[in-house]
Amino acid sequence: MRFREGGPPRATRGRSESGPRPRRALCGGAATGGLEWAQEAPNALWFTPHGEASRLIRRGGGGAQEAANAVSRIPAGHPEGYLEAFATLYAEAADAIRAVQAGGDRDTAQALLPGIGDGMAGMGFIAACVASSRADAAWTRL
């Protein structure tokens, strides 16, 4: 990759001083300004025109160009895993449906697909939260 003015970007990878996660970033500069993107904030791109304040451009946001917005499939504010999470859920549900249609058991199709028991446990947790709130945040047995 090269910028229009001919300069190559600079890729960095390292460990932050305060934590164990590696930092991956792309930085680049040209006659008109510089760009910076970091893996820790993948939905943000910093653009710094020469002689001006830095501008934060977010994926799917108003500052992004039309070409960038045209290839953003995920609504602004949703993490990248948003679509993958739903795709996984739908794929596992389809596997369970096919297993039952073939005479099998839905529980053997995918262990990660939540069932009625999981839904009931979730509703029990919500009921305990409401009861705790009504009792001035008292501990409530699930």
Protein backbone atom coordinates (compact mmCIF):
# COMPACT_ATOMS: atom_id res chain seq x y z
CA MET A 1 0.00 0.00 0.00
CA ARG A 2 1.24 3.50 -0.81
CA PHE A 3 -0.29 6.89 -0.26
CA ARG A 4 -1.06 8.99 -3.32
CA GLU A 5 2.00 11.17 -2.58
CA GLY A 6 4.18 8.02 -2.58
CA GLY A 7 4.91 7.43 1.11
CA PRO A 8 4.46 3.93 2.57
CA PRO A 9 2.46 3.37 5.76
CA ARG A 10 4.18 2.26 8.94
CA ALA A 11 2.88 -0.80 10.76
CA THR A 12 3.65 -1.23 14.43
CA ARG A 13 3.24 -4.14 16.77
CA GLY A 14 4.26 -4.26 20.38
CA ARG A 15 3.20 -4.74 23.96
CA SER A 16 1.79 -1.87 25.92
CA GLU A 17 3.59 -0.96 29.11
CA SER A 18 0.46 -1.42 31.21
CA GLY A 19 -0.87 -4.74 29.95
CA PRO A 20 -0.14 -8.02 28.23
CA ARG A 21 -2.01 -7.38 24.97
CA PRO A 22 -0.01 -6.64 21.85
CA ARG A 23 -0.72 -3.32 20.15
CA ARG A 24 -1.13 -3.41 16.39
CA ALA A 25 -1.41 -0.18 14.48
CA LEU A 26 -1.06 1.34 11.03
CA CYS A 27 0.26 4.86 10.75
CA GLY A 28 1.06 6.87 7.68
CA GLY A 29 1.86 10.34 6.60
CA ALA A 30 1.86 12.23 3.34
CA ALA A 31 2.07 15.80 2.12
CA THR A 32 -1.57 16.41 3.07
CA GLY A 33 -1.54 14.87 6.55
CA GLY A 34 -1.44 11.62 8.47
CA LEU A 35 -3.61 8.62 9.35
CA GLU A 36 -3.58 6.36 12.39
CA TRP A 37 -5.57 3.19 13.04
CA ALA A 38 -5.15 0.82 16.01
CA GLN A 39 -6.50 -2.68 16.52
CA GLU A 40 -7.69 -1.77 20.01
CA ALA A 41 -10.17 0.68 18.47
CA PRO A 42 -10.93 -0.89 15.08
CA ASN A 43 -13.94 1.32 14.33
CA ALA A 44 -11.92 4.53 14.56
CA LEU A 45 -9.46 6.20 12.19
CA TRP A 46 -7.61 9.36 13.14
CA PHE A 47 -6.97 11.79 10.28
CA THR A 48 -4.61 14.69 10.96
CA PRO A 49 -4.36 17.20 8.11
CA HIS A 50 -1.13 19.26 8.24
CA GLY A 51 -1.65 22.39 10.31
CA GLU A 52 -5.09 21.31 11.57
CA ALA A 53 -6.54 19.47 14.55
CA SER A 54 -6.90 15.69 14.37
CA ARG A 55 -10.28 14.37 13.27
CA LEU A 56 -11.79 11.13 14.48
CA ILE A 57 -13.59 9.22 11.72
CA ARG A 58 -15.77 6.33 12.89
CA ARG A 59 -16.96 3.38 10.82
CA GLY A 60 -20.43 4.08 9.51
CA GLY A 61 -20.32 7.63 10.85
CA GLY A 62 -20.92 10.98 9.24
CA GLY A 63 -17.22 11.70 8.72
CA ALA A 64 -16.63 8.59 6.63
CA GLN A 65 -16.67 8.95 2.88
CA GLU A 66 -19.46 7.49 0.77
CA ALA A 67 -17.21 4.68 -0.52
CA ALA A 68 -16.37 3.59 3.05
CA ASN A 69 -20.02 3.69 4.14
CA ALA A 70 -21.04 1.65 1.08
CA VAL A 71 -18.96 -1.33 2.27
CA SER A 72 -19.89 -1.08 5.97
CA ARG A 73 -22.42 -3.84 6.55
CA ILE A 74 -22.72 -3.28 10.30
CA PRO A 75 -24.61 -0.29 11.73
CA ALA A 76 -22.52 2.33 13.52
CA GLY A 77 -22.19 1.56 17.22
CA HIS A 78 -22.29 -2.21 16.83
CA PRO A 79 -19.09 -4.22 17.27
CA GLU A 80 -17.64 -6.21 14.39
CA GLY A 81 -18.75 -9.47 16.03
CA TYR A 82 -22.41 -8.42 15.81
CA LEU A 83 -23.07 -10.12 12.45
CA GLU A 84 -20.93 -13.13 13.25
CA ALA A 85 -22.82 -13.73 16.50
CA PHE A 86 -26.18 -13.77 14.71
CA ALA A 87 -24.78 -15.87 11.85
CA THR A 88 -23.56 -18.45 14.37
CA LEU A 89 -26.89 -18.48 16.20
CA TYR A 90 -28.85 -18.94 12.94
CA ALA A 91 -26.48 -21.66 11.68
CA GLU A 92 -26.79 -23.60 14.94
CA ALA A 93 -30.58 -23.25 14.90
CA ALA A 94 -30.65 -24.55 11.32
CA ASP A 95 -28.47 -27.53 12.34
CA ALA A 96 -30.86 -28.32 15.22
CA ILE A 97 -33.91 -28.11 12.92
CA ARG A 98 -32.25 -30.44 10.39
CA ALA A 99 -31.31 -32.89 13.16
CA VAL A 100 -34.95 -33.07 14.35
CA GLN A 101 -36.23 -33.39 10.76
CA ALA A 102 -33.84 -36.33 10.28
CA GLY A 103 -35.26 -38.03 13.38
CA GLY A 104 -32.45 -37.00 15.75
CA ASP A 105 -32.38 -34.96 18.92
CA ARG A 106 -31.98 -31.18 18.75
CA ASP A 107 -29.65 -31.20 21.77
CA THR A 108 -27.09 -33.38 20.00
CA ALA A 109 -26.91 -31.03 16.98
CA GLN A 110 -25.14 -28.13 18.70
CA ALA A 111 -24.20 -27.89 22.37
CA LEU A 112 -23.90 -24.08 22.18
CA LEU A 113 -27.43 -23.36 20.98
CA PRO A 114 -29.52 -22.18 23.96
CA GLY A 115 -32.61 -24.20 24.72
CA ILE A 116 -35.78 -23.77 26.77
CA GLY A 117 -33.90 -24.53 30.00
CA ASP A 118 -31.42 -21.76 29.28
CA GLY A 119 -34.27 -19.32 28.61
CA MET A 120 -35.99 -20.32 31.86
CA ALA A 121 -32.74 -19.85 33.80
CA GLY A 122 -32.35 -16.39 32.25
CA MET A 123 -35.92 -15.46 33.22
CA GLY A 124 -35.24 -16.71 36.77
CA PHE A 125 -32.19 -14.46 36.94
CA ILE A 126 -34.25 -11.46 35.79
CA ALA A 127 -36.95 -12.23 38.36
CA ALA A 128 -34.28 -12.40 41.10
CA CYS A 129 -32.86 -9.05 39.97
CA VAL A 130 -36.31 -7.44 40.16
CA ALA A 131 -36.96 -8.97 43.59
CA SER A 132 -33.57 -7.75 44.82
CA SER A 133 -34.27 -4.26 43.53
CA ARG A 134 -37.65 -4.16 45.25
CA ALA A 135 -35.99 -5.30 48.51
CA ASP A 136 -33.46 -2.43 48.51
CA ALA A 137 -30.73 -4.45 46.73
CA ALA A 138 -30.93 -7.37 49.16
CA TRP A 139 -29.19 -10.63 48.20
CA THR A 140 -31.75 -12.86 46.50
CA ARG A 141 -31.49 -16.61 46.00
CA LEU A 142 -31.76 -17.81 42.42
